[in-house]
N, C-alpha and C. Protein backbone atom coordinates (compact mmCIF):
# COMPACT_ATOMS: atom_id res chain seq x y z
N UNK A 1 108.06 95.38 81.38
CA UNK A 1 106.90 94.51 81.43
C UNK A 1 107.38 93.07 81.58
N UNK A 2 106.66 92.34 82.41
CA UNK A 2 107.05 90.96 82.63
C UNK A 2 105.81 90.06 82.58
N UNK A 3 106.00 88.84 82.11
CA UNK A 3 104.91 87.87 82.08
C UNK A 3 104.65 87.39 83.50
N UNK A 4 103.38 87.36 83.90
CA UNK A 4 103.03 86.99 85.28
C UNK A 4 102.00 85.86 85.34
N UNK A 5 101.93 85.07 84.31
CA UNK A 5 100.99 83.96 84.32
C UNK A 5 100.08 84.00 83.12
N UNK A 6 99.01 83.22 83.21
CA UNK A 6 98.09 83.11 82.09
C UNK A 6 96.73 83.71 82.43
N UNK A 7 96.08 84.22 81.40
CA UNK A 7 94.70 84.68 81.54
C UNK A 7 93.77 83.47 81.50
N UNK A 8 92.49 83.69 81.69
CA UNK A 8 91.53 82.59 81.68
C UNK A 8 91.45 81.92 80.30
N UNK A 9 91.75 82.70 79.25
CA UNK A 9 91.71 82.13 77.90
C UNK A 9 93.01 81.41 77.54
N UNK A 10 93.96 81.31 78.50
CA UNK A 10 95.20 80.60 78.26
C UNK A 10 96.32 81.44 77.68
N UNK A 11 96.04 82.71 77.39
CA UNK A 11 97.07 83.57 76.85
C UNK A 11 97.85 84.25 77.98
N UNK A 12 99.04 84.76 77.65
CA UNK A 12 99.93 85.34 78.65
C UNK A 12 99.38 86.66 79.19
N UNK A 13 99.59 86.87 80.48
CA UNK A 13 99.24 88.13 81.13
C UNK A 13 100.53 88.84 81.48
N UNK A 14 100.58 90.18 81.22
CA UNK A 14 101.79 90.97 81.45
C UNK A 14 101.52 92.03 82.51
N UNK A 15 102.58 92.37 83.27
CA UNK A 15 102.46 93.35 84.36
C UNK A 15 103.66 94.28 84.33
N UNK A 16 103.43 95.58 84.57
CA UNK A 16 104.51 96.56 84.65
C UNK A 16 104.89 96.71 86.12
N UNK A 17 106.11 96.30 86.46
CA UNK A 17 106.56 96.38 87.85
C UNK A 17 106.91 97.81 88.24
N UNK A 18 107.25 98.66 87.27
CA UNK A 18 107.59 100.05 87.58
C UNK A 18 106.37 100.86 87.99
N UNK A 19 105.26 100.71 87.25
CA UNK A 19 104.05 101.48 87.54
C UNK A 19 103.02 100.68 88.32
N UNK A 20 103.31 99.40 88.58
CA UNK A 20 102.39 98.52 89.31
C UNK A 20 101.03 98.49 88.64
N UNK A 21 101.05 98.17 87.33
CA UNK A 21 99.81 98.21 86.55
C UNK A 21 99.80 97.14 85.47
N UNK A 22 98.60 96.81 85.01
CA UNK A 22 98.39 95.82 83.96
C UNK A 22 99.03 96.31 82.65
N UNK A 23 99.68 95.39 81.94
CA UNK A 23 100.32 95.71 80.66
C UNK A 23 99.89 94.73 79.59
N UNK A 24 98.69 94.15 79.76
CA UNK A 24 98.18 93.16 78.82
C UNK A 24 97.14 93.80 77.91
N UNK A 25 97.35 93.63 76.60
CA UNK A 25 96.41 94.16 75.62
C UNK A 25 95.45 93.09 75.14
N UNK A 26 94.69 93.44 74.13
CA UNK A 26 93.72 92.54 73.53
C UNK A 26 94.42 91.28 73.03
N UNK A 27 93.78 90.15 73.22
CA UNK A 27 94.29 88.84 72.81
C UNK A 27 95.60 88.47 73.51
N UNK A 28 95.86 89.03 74.68
CA UNK A 28 97.04 88.68 75.45
C UNK A 28 98.33 89.24 74.91
N UNK A 29 98.26 90.33 74.16
CA UNK A 29 99.47 90.95 73.64
C UNK A 29 100.08 91.88 74.69
N UNK A 30 101.39 91.95 74.69
CA UNK A 30 102.09 92.86 75.62
C UNK A 30 101.96 94.28 75.10
N UNK A 31 101.45 95.19 75.96
CA UNK A 31 101.32 96.59 75.58
C UNK A 31 102.69 97.27 75.58
N UNK A 32 102.85 98.28 74.73
CA UNK A 32 104.10 99.04 74.73
C UNK A 32 104.14 100.01 75.91
N UNK A 33 102.97 100.44 76.38
CA UNK A 33 102.84 101.32 77.55
C UNK A 33 101.78 100.73 78.45
N UNK A 34 102.09 100.57 79.74
CA UNK A 34 101.13 99.97 80.66
C UNK A 34 99.99 100.93 80.98
N UNK A 35 98.94 100.42 81.63
CA UNK A 35 97.76 101.24 81.96
C UNK A 35 98.03 102.28 83.05
N UNK A 36 99.14 102.15 83.76
CA UNK A 36 99.45 103.11 84.81
C UNK A 36 100.49 104.15 84.42
N UNK A 37 100.95 104.11 83.17
CA UNK A 37 102.05 105.00 82.75
C UNK A 37 101.68 106.48 82.79
N UNK A 38 100.43 106.82 82.60
CA UNK A 38 100.03 108.23 82.56
C UNK A 38 99.75 108.83 83.93
N UNK A 39 99.81 108.02 84.97
CA UNK A 39 99.52 108.51 86.33
C UNK A 39 100.82 109.00 86.95
N UNK A 40 100.83 110.26 87.34
CA UNK A 40 102.03 110.85 87.94
C UNK A 40 102.28 110.23 89.32
N UNK A 41 103.52 109.81 89.60
CA UNK A 41 103.80 109.31 90.96
C UNK A 41 103.67 110.43 91.99
N UNK A 42 103.35 110.06 93.21
CA UNK A 42 103.17 111.04 94.28
C UNK A 42 104.55 111.54 94.72
N UNK A 43 104.75 112.85 94.65
CA UNK A 43 106.05 113.44 95.01
C UNK A 43 106.09 113.78 96.50
N UNK A 44 107.29 114.11 96.99
CA UNK A 44 107.43 114.52 98.39
C UNK A 44 106.66 115.80 98.67
N UNK A 45 106.60 116.71 97.69
CA UNK A 45 105.88 117.98 97.86
C UNK A 45 104.37 117.75 98.01
N UNK A 46 103.87 116.64 97.46
CA UNK A 46 102.44 116.34 97.53
C UNK A 46 102.09 115.45 98.72
N UNK A 47 103.09 115.18 99.58
CA UNK A 47 102.90 114.32 100.74
C UNK A 47 103.09 115.12 102.02
N UNK A 48 102.14 115.03 102.93
CA UNK A 48 102.23 115.70 104.23
C UNK A 48 102.75 114.72 105.27
N UNK A 49 103.78 115.12 106.02
CA UNK A 49 104.25 114.36 107.18
C UNK A 49 103.49 114.89 108.40
N UNK A 50 102.71 114.05 109.05
CA UNK A 50 101.82 114.49 110.13
C UNK A 50 102.04 113.64 111.38
N UNK A 51 102.57 114.25 112.44
CA UNK A 51 102.76 113.57 113.71
C UNK A 51 101.54 113.86 114.58
N UNK A 52 100.72 112.85 114.82
CA UNK A 52 99.48 113.04 115.57
C UNK A 52 99.72 113.54 116.99
N UNK A 53 100.88 113.23 117.56
CA UNK A 53 101.18 113.64 118.93
C UNK A 53 101.32 115.17 119.05
N UNK A 54 101.51 115.86 117.94
CA UNK A 54 101.67 117.32 117.96
C UNK A 54 100.34 118.05 117.82
N UNK A 55 99.23 117.31 117.65
CA UNK A 55 97.94 117.95 117.39
C UNK A 55 96.89 117.48 118.39
N UNK A 56 97.04 117.95 119.63
CA UNK A 56 96.11 117.57 120.70
C UNK A 56 94.72 118.13 120.45
N UNK A 57 94.59 119.14 119.61
CA UNK A 57 93.29 119.74 119.30
C UNK A 57 92.47 118.93 118.33
N UNK A 58 93.05 117.93 117.71
CA UNK A 58 92.29 117.05 116.82
C UNK A 58 92.83 116.99 115.41
N UNK A 59 92.67 115.83 114.81
CA UNK A 59 93.08 115.59 113.43
C UNK A 59 91.96 114.83 112.74
N UNK A 60 91.66 115.22 111.51
CA UNK A 60 90.72 114.46 110.68
C UNK A 60 91.28 114.37 109.27
N UNK A 61 91.22 113.19 108.70
CA UNK A 61 91.64 112.94 107.33
C UNK A 61 90.51 112.23 106.61
N UNK A 62 90.24 112.61 105.37
CA UNK A 62 89.24 111.88 104.60
C UNK A 62 89.53 111.99 103.12
N UNK A 63 89.01 111.03 102.37
CA UNK A 63 89.19 111.04 100.93
C UNK A 63 88.38 112.16 100.30
N UNK A 64 89.06 113.04 99.58
CA UNK A 64 88.40 114.16 98.90
C UNK A 64 88.09 113.73 97.47
N UNK A 65 86.83 113.77 97.11
CA UNK A 65 86.41 113.40 95.76
C UNK A 65 85.65 114.57 95.14
N UNK A 66 85.57 114.64 93.81
CA UNK A 66 84.85 115.74 93.17
C UNK A 66 83.38 115.76 93.59
N UNK A 67 82.79 116.94 93.75
CA UNK A 67 81.38 117.03 94.14
C UNK A 67 80.46 116.55 93.03
N UNK A 68 79.26 116.12 93.41
CA UNK A 68 78.25 115.73 92.43
C UNK A 68 77.81 116.96 91.64
N UNK A 69 77.72 118.11 92.34
CA UNK A 69 77.26 119.34 91.71
C UNK A 69 78.05 120.49 92.30
N UNK A 70 78.53 121.40 91.46
CA UNK A 70 79.37 122.50 91.93
C UNK A 70 79.05 123.75 91.11
N UNK A 71 78.59 124.81 91.78
CA UNK A 71 78.25 126.05 91.07
C UNK A 71 79.44 126.96 90.90
N UNK A 72 80.60 126.59 91.48
CA UNK A 72 81.79 127.43 91.36
C UNK A 72 82.64 126.99 90.18
N UNK A 73 83.67 127.76 89.91
CA UNK A 73 84.66 127.37 88.90
C UNK A 73 86.01 127.08 89.56
N UNK A 74 85.95 126.75 90.85
CA UNK A 74 87.17 126.45 91.59
C UNK A 74 87.71 125.09 91.16
N UNK A 75 89.02 124.88 91.31
CA UNK A 75 89.58 123.56 90.96
C UNK A 75 88.97 122.46 91.81
N UNK A 76 88.84 121.27 91.22
CA UNK A 76 88.29 120.14 91.95
C UNK A 76 89.29 119.65 92.99
N UNK A 77 88.78 119.28 94.15
CA UNK A 77 89.60 118.81 95.26
C UNK A 77 89.70 117.29 95.18
N UNK A 78 90.92 116.78 95.01
CA UNK A 78 91.15 115.34 94.96
C UNK A 78 92.30 114.99 95.89
N UNK A 79 92.21 113.87 96.57
CA UNK A 79 93.29 113.42 97.43
C UNK A 79 92.81 113.15 98.84
N UNK A 80 93.61 113.55 99.83
CA UNK A 80 93.26 113.39 101.24
C UNK A 80 93.17 114.78 101.84
N UNK A 81 91.99 115.15 102.32
CA UNK A 81 91.84 116.45 102.96
C UNK A 81 92.19 116.32 104.43
N UNK A 82 92.94 117.30 104.93
CA UNK A 82 93.47 117.24 106.30
C UNK A 82 93.00 118.44 107.11
N UNK A 83 92.46 118.18 108.29
CA UNK A 83 92.20 119.21 109.31
C UNK A 83 93.06 118.83 110.52
N UNK A 84 93.79 119.78 111.06
CA UNK A 84 94.61 119.51 112.24
C UNK A 84 94.72 120.76 113.10
N UNK A 85 94.47 120.59 114.41
CA UNK A 85 94.60 121.68 115.37
C UNK A 85 95.59 121.27 116.46
N UNK A 86 96.46 122.22 116.83
CA UNK A 86 97.43 121.93 117.89
C UNK A 86 96.80 121.95 119.26
N UNK A 87 95.79 122.81 119.48
CA UNK A 87 95.11 122.86 120.78
C UNK A 87 93.60 122.80 120.56
N UNK A 88 92.86 122.22 121.50
CA UNK A 88 91.40 122.14 121.36
C UNK A 88 90.79 123.53 121.16
N UNK A 89 89.96 123.66 120.15
CA UNK A 89 89.30 124.93 119.87
C UNK A 89 90.18 125.94 119.15
N UNK A 90 91.43 125.60 118.91
CA UNK A 90 92.35 126.52 118.24
C UNK A 90 92.15 126.56 116.74
N UNK A 91 92.92 127.42 116.08
CA UNK A 91 92.85 127.50 114.62
C UNK A 91 93.42 126.24 113.99
N UNK A 92 92.96 125.94 112.79
CA UNK A 92 93.49 124.79 112.05
C UNK A 92 94.88 125.13 111.52
N UNK A 93 95.83 124.29 111.85
CA UNK A 93 97.17 124.42 111.29
C UNK A 93 97.16 123.90 109.86
N UNK A 94 96.35 122.86 109.63
CA UNK A 94 96.19 122.29 108.29
C UNK A 94 94.72 122.28 107.92
N UNK A 95 94.41 122.80 106.74
CA UNK A 95 93.08 122.72 106.14
C UNK A 95 93.32 122.65 104.64
N UNK A 96 93.98 121.57 104.23
CA UNK A 96 94.50 121.45 102.88
C UNK A 96 94.34 120.02 102.39
N UNK A 97 94.44 119.84 101.09
CA UNK A 97 94.36 118.51 100.48
C UNK A 97 95.72 118.10 99.92
N UNK A 98 96.11 116.86 100.18
CA UNK A 98 97.38 116.30 99.72
C UNK A 98 97.12 115.01 98.97
N UNK A 99 98.08 114.56 98.19
CA UNK A 99 97.94 113.27 97.49
C UNK A 99 98.28 112.10 98.41
N UNK A 100 99.05 112.37 99.46
CA UNK A 100 99.39 111.32 100.42
C UNK A 100 99.70 111.97 101.76
N UNK A 101 99.51 111.21 102.84
CA UNK A 101 99.84 111.68 104.18
C UNK A 101 100.61 110.57 104.89
N UNK A 102 101.78 110.94 105.43
CA UNK A 102 102.56 109.99 106.26
C UNK A 102 102.22 110.32 107.70
N UNK A 103 101.45 109.45 108.35
CA UNK A 103 100.97 109.67 109.71
C UNK A 103 101.86 108.91 110.68
N UNK A 104 102.36 109.62 111.69
CA UNK A 104 103.17 108.99 112.73
C UNK A 104 102.59 109.37 114.09
N UNK A 105 103.03 108.70 115.12
CA UNK A 105 102.57 109.00 116.48
C UNK A 105 102.65 107.78 117.35
N UNK A 106 102.54 108.00 118.65
CA UNK A 106 102.68 106.94 119.63
C UNK A 106 101.65 105.84 119.53
N UNK A 107 100.45 106.12 118.98
CA UNK A 107 99.39 105.12 118.90
C UNK A 107 99.41 104.34 117.59
N UNK A 108 100.39 104.62 116.74
CA UNK A 108 100.45 103.96 115.44
C UNK A 108 101.59 102.94 115.41
N UNK A 109 101.56 102.04 114.42
CA UNK A 109 102.65 101.07 114.30
C UNK A 109 103.99 101.77 114.11
N UNK A 110 105.09 101.14 114.50
CA UNK A 110 106.42 101.74 114.30
C UNK A 110 106.62 102.10 112.83
N UNK A 111 107.18 103.27 112.58
CA UNK A 111 107.36 103.72 111.20
C UNK A 111 106.17 104.46 110.65
N UNK A 112 105.05 104.45 111.39
CA UNK A 112 103.88 105.20 110.97
C UNK A 112 103.09 104.49 109.88
N UNK A 113 102.26 105.26 109.22
CA UNK A 113 101.33 104.75 108.22
C UNK A 113 101.31 105.71 107.05
N UNK A 114 101.63 105.22 105.85
CA UNK A 114 101.56 106.03 104.64
C UNK A 114 100.19 105.80 104.02
N UNK A 115 99.43 106.87 103.83
CA UNK A 115 98.09 106.78 103.26
C UNK A 115 98.09 107.53 101.93
N UNK A 116 97.81 106.83 100.85
CA UNK A 116 97.73 107.48 99.54
C UNK A 116 96.29 107.94 99.29
N UNK A 117 96.13 108.78 98.27
CA UNK A 117 94.79 109.26 97.92
C UNK A 117 93.87 108.09 97.57
N UNK A 118 94.39 107.05 96.91
CA UNK A 118 93.55 105.91 96.58
C UNK A 118 93.16 105.11 97.81
N UNK A 119 94.09 104.95 98.76
CA UNK A 119 93.76 104.27 100.02
C UNK A 119 92.58 104.96 100.70
N UNK A 120 92.64 106.29 100.76
CA UNK A 120 91.61 107.07 101.45
C UNK A 120 90.27 106.98 100.75
N UNK A 121 90.28 107.10 99.42
CA UNK A 121 89.02 107.07 98.67
C UNK A 121 88.38 105.69 98.76
N UNK A 122 89.18 104.63 98.61
CA UNK A 122 88.59 103.28 98.67
C UNK A 122 88.21 102.87 100.09
N UNK A 123 88.86 103.45 101.10
CA UNK A 123 88.40 103.25 102.47
C UNK A 123 86.99 103.83 102.61
N UNK A 124 86.81 105.04 102.06
CA UNK A 124 85.50 105.69 102.11
C UNK A 124 84.45 104.85 101.39
N UNK A 125 84.79 104.34 100.19
CA UNK A 125 83.85 103.53 99.42
C UNK A 125 83.44 102.29 100.21
N UNK A 126 84.40 101.57 100.76
CA UNK A 126 84.08 100.36 101.53
C UNK A 126 83.22 100.68 102.74
N UNK A 127 83.56 101.75 103.46
CA UNK A 127 82.83 102.06 104.69
C UNK A 127 81.43 102.61 104.42
N UNK A 128 81.24 103.33 103.31
CA UNK A 128 79.90 103.83 102.97
C UNK A 128 78.93 102.66 102.80
N UNK A 129 79.41 101.55 102.25
CA UNK A 129 78.56 100.38 102.06
C UNK A 129 78.60 99.41 103.23
N UNK A 130 79.26 99.83 104.33
CA UNK A 130 79.24 99.04 105.56
C UNK A 130 80.23 97.89 105.61
N UNK A 131 81.25 97.91 104.76
CA UNK A 131 82.25 96.85 104.76
C UNK A 131 83.48 97.27 105.54
N UNK A 132 83.99 96.38 106.37
CA UNK A 132 85.24 96.62 107.06
C UNK A 132 86.41 96.31 106.12
N UNK A 133 87.57 96.82 106.48
CA UNK A 133 88.76 96.57 105.68
C UNK A 133 89.80 95.88 106.55
N UNK A 134 90.75 95.19 105.90
CA UNK A 134 91.83 94.50 106.60
C UNK A 134 93.14 94.85 105.93
N UNK A 135 94.21 94.77 106.70
CA UNK A 135 95.54 94.89 106.11
C UNK A 135 95.90 93.53 105.54
N UNK A 136 96.14 93.49 104.24
CA UNK A 136 96.47 92.25 103.55
C UNK A 136 97.77 92.47 102.78
N UNK A 137 98.72 91.56 102.96
CA UNK A 137 99.97 91.60 102.20
C UNK A 137 99.96 90.45 101.20
N UNK A 138 100.55 90.69 100.04
CA UNK A 138 100.70 89.63 99.06
C UNK A 138 101.56 88.52 99.67
N UNK A 139 101.08 87.30 99.60
CA UNK A 139 101.83 86.17 100.17
C UNK A 139 103.02 85.79 99.29
N UNK A 140 103.11 86.36 98.09
CA UNK A 140 104.21 86.04 97.18
C UNK A 140 105.34 87.06 97.25
N UNK A 141 105.00 88.37 97.42
CA UNK A 141 106.05 89.40 97.42
C UNK A 141 106.00 90.33 98.63
N UNK A 142 104.92 90.26 99.44
CA UNK A 142 104.83 91.09 100.64
C UNK A 142 104.32 92.49 100.42
N UNK A 143 103.86 92.82 99.21
CA UNK A 143 103.38 94.17 98.91
C UNK A 143 102.01 94.40 99.56
N UNK A 144 101.79 95.55 100.25
CA UNK A 144 100.48 95.83 100.87
C UNK A 144 99.40 95.91 99.78
N UNK A 145 98.27 95.27 100.04
CA UNK A 145 97.22 95.15 99.01
C UNK A 145 96.10 96.16 99.20
N UNK A 146 95.68 96.77 98.09
CA UNK A 146 94.53 97.68 98.08
C UNK A 146 93.50 97.15 97.10
N UNK A 147 92.30 96.88 97.62
CA UNK A 147 91.19 96.47 96.75
C UNK A 147 90.48 97.71 96.23
N UNK A 148 90.32 97.79 94.90
CA UNK A 148 89.71 98.95 94.26
C UNK A 148 88.42 98.54 93.56
N UNK A 149 87.64 99.57 93.19
CA UNK A 149 86.45 99.40 92.36
C UNK A 149 85.51 98.34 92.93
N UNK A 150 85.09 97.38 92.12
CA UNK A 150 84.14 96.35 92.53
C UNK A 150 84.65 95.61 93.76
N UNK A 151 85.97 95.39 93.81
CA UNK A 151 86.55 94.60 94.90
C UNK A 151 86.53 95.34 96.24
N UNK A 152 86.34 96.66 96.23
CA UNK A 152 86.27 97.43 97.47
C UNK A 152 84.94 97.24 98.20
N UNK A 153 83.97 96.62 97.54
CA UNK A 153 82.66 96.40 98.16
C UNK A 153 82.21 94.94 98.07
N UNK A 154 83.12 94.06 97.73
CA UNK A 154 82.81 92.62 97.68
C UNK A 154 83.95 91.85 98.35
N UNK A 155 83.77 91.42 99.61
CA UNK A 155 84.83 90.65 100.28
C UNK A 155 85.17 89.39 99.49
N UNK A 156 86.47 89.05 99.47
CA UNK A 156 86.94 87.92 98.68
C UNK A 156 88.27 87.42 99.25
N UNK A 157 88.71 86.25 98.80
CA UNK A 157 89.97 85.67 99.28
C UNK A 157 91.08 85.71 98.23
N UNK A 158 90.72 85.66 96.97
CA UNK A 158 91.72 85.67 95.89
C UNK A 158 91.94 87.11 95.45
N UNK A 159 93.18 87.55 95.49
CA UNK A 159 93.51 88.95 95.20
C UNK A 159 94.56 89.03 94.10
N UNK A 160 94.54 90.13 93.35
CA UNK A 160 95.56 90.42 92.35
C UNK A 160 96.51 91.45 92.93
N UNK A 161 97.77 91.06 93.13
CA UNK A 161 98.76 91.94 93.75
C UNK A 161 99.22 93.01 92.77
N UNK A 162 99.18 94.27 93.19
CA UNK A 162 99.68 95.36 92.37
C UNK A 162 101.19 95.36 92.33
N UNK A 163 101.83 94.81 93.36
CA UNK A 163 103.29 94.80 93.42
C UNK A 163 103.94 93.89 92.41
N UNK A 164 103.47 92.63 92.34
CA UNK A 164 104.10 91.66 91.45
C UNK A 164 103.21 91.22 90.30
N UNK A 165 101.91 91.59 90.34
CA UNK A 165 101.00 91.26 89.25
C UNK A 165 100.45 89.85 89.27
N UNK A 166 100.76 89.09 90.33
CA UNK A 166 100.28 87.70 90.41
C UNK A 166 99.10 87.59 91.37
N UNK A 167 98.31 86.54 91.19
CA UNK A 167 97.19 86.28 92.10
C UNK A 167 97.69 85.54 93.33
N UNK A 168 97.10 85.86 94.48
CA UNK A 168 97.41 85.14 95.71
C UNK A 168 96.13 84.96 96.51
N UNK A 169 96.13 83.99 97.39
CA UNK A 169 94.96 83.73 98.25
C UNK A 169 95.29 84.17 99.66
N UNK A 170 94.34 84.86 100.29
CA UNK A 170 94.50 85.27 101.67
C UNK A 170 93.94 84.18 102.59
N UNK A 171 94.24 84.29 103.87
CA UNK A 171 93.78 83.29 104.83
C UNK A 171 92.29 83.43 105.17
N UNK A 172 91.72 84.63 104.90
CA UNK A 172 90.31 84.85 105.23
C UNK A 172 89.68 85.73 104.15
N UNK A 173 88.37 85.66 104.06
CA UNK A 173 87.63 86.52 103.13
C UNK A 173 87.65 87.95 103.66
N UNK A 174 87.91 88.91 102.81
CA UNK A 174 87.94 90.30 103.26
C UNK A 174 88.22 91.27 102.13
N UNK A 175 88.34 92.54 102.51
CA UNK A 175 88.67 93.63 101.59
C UNK A 175 89.97 94.24 102.07
N UNK A 176 90.96 94.28 101.20
CA UNK A 176 92.28 94.76 101.58
C UNK A 176 92.44 96.26 101.41
N UNK A 177 93.06 96.89 102.41
CA UNK A 177 93.40 98.31 102.33
C UNK A 177 94.56 98.54 103.31
N UNK A 178 95.65 99.21 102.86
CA UNK A 178 96.78 99.44 103.76
C UNK A 178 96.41 100.17 105.06
N UNK A 179 95.31 100.93 105.06
CA UNK A 179 94.87 101.63 106.27
C UNK A 179 94.57 100.63 107.39
N UNK A 180 94.24 99.40 107.03
CA UNK A 180 93.95 98.38 108.03
C UNK A 180 95.16 97.91 108.80
N UNK A 181 96.34 98.50 108.57
CA UNK A 181 97.53 98.07 109.29
C UNK A 181 97.51 98.46 110.76
N UNK A 182 96.57 99.31 111.18
CA UNK A 182 96.37 99.56 112.61
C UNK A 182 95.71 98.31 113.16
N UNK A 183 96.48 97.46 113.83
CA UNK A 183 95.98 96.15 114.24
C UNK A 183 94.80 96.26 115.20
N UNK A 184 94.85 97.23 116.11
CA UNK A 184 93.72 97.47 117.00
C UNK A 184 93.28 98.90 116.75
N UNK A 185 92.35 99.11 115.79
CA UNK A 185 91.98 100.47 115.44
C UNK A 185 91.51 101.27 116.65
N UNK A 186 92.12 102.43 116.93
CA UNK A 186 91.67 103.24 118.04
C UNK A 186 90.31 103.86 117.75
N UNK A 187 89.75 104.53 118.75
CA UNK A 187 88.41 105.09 118.60
C UNK A 187 88.33 106.10 117.47
N UNK A 188 89.47 106.67 117.04
CA UNK A 188 89.39 107.69 116.01
C UNK A 188 89.37 107.13 114.60
N UNK A 189 89.41 105.77 114.43
CA UNK A 189 89.30 105.22 113.09
C UNK A 189 87.83 105.12 112.73
N UNK A 190 87.35 106.03 111.94
CA UNK A 190 85.93 106.13 111.62
C UNK A 190 85.73 106.24 110.11
N UNK A 191 84.49 106.44 109.68
CA UNK A 191 84.17 106.57 108.26
C UNK A 191 84.91 107.74 107.64
N UNK A 192 85.14 108.82 108.41
CA UNK A 192 85.85 109.98 107.88
C UNK A 192 87.33 109.70 107.69
N UNK A 193 87.77 108.51 108.05
CA UNK A 193 89.13 108.01 107.97
C UNK A 193 89.81 108.12 109.30
N UNK A 194 90.19 109.31 109.73
CA UNK A 194 90.79 109.48 111.05
C UNK A 194 90.10 110.66 111.73
N UNK A 195 89.89 110.57 113.02
CA UNK A 195 89.34 111.71 113.73
C UNK A 195 89.84 111.70 115.17
N UNK A 196 90.53 112.74 115.56
CA UNK A 196 90.98 112.91 116.94
C UNK A 196 90.38 114.22 117.43
N UNK A 197 89.64 114.21 118.47
CA UNK A 197 89.02 115.45 118.93
C UNK A 197 87.89 115.84 118.01
N UNK A 198 87.72 117.12 117.75
CA UNK A 198 86.60 117.56 116.93
C UNK A 198 86.94 118.64 115.93
N UNK A 199 87.76 118.34 114.89
CA UNK A 199 88.08 119.37 113.90
C UNK A 199 86.88 119.74 113.07
């Protein structure tokens, strides 16, 4: 845990750089365990490597959230649900949910795009309310910024970086999401997250 500045009441604010989470308790006390310590990191087994160039039949990715009502006793689906077909009209090679997807292909930035379950869900939240998203990096440490909760539906310029725990100002008002790193979003960037063809 490291001190990252002051709160509005003048007391110290603490941040956990390992879990990228707040570590400040009541009255500005440093917590012994940060707020992100109980969240399991995304493993390689929970991450799908997906090359879009191999799926001419179409790809769709979207944030999977628990249903409002469910009459089954099946496990709840959380993460990024993936549909992918190698040929148009063919069987789905992927019809599964993952915690993260590493998307690569000729139409994407070099090195591809890593999409976490939170990126996907908050992209859905922003788009349901009609807000666009932008790729925003912390001007202090360069960490890609994700706006969550209230901030996913309220454009703003001052952001709290998850990477370093400090506040920074962006050049324009907006909502940050790493998915916005596609500088010129192709036609398949839609509310469902990604769509190529018709899965």
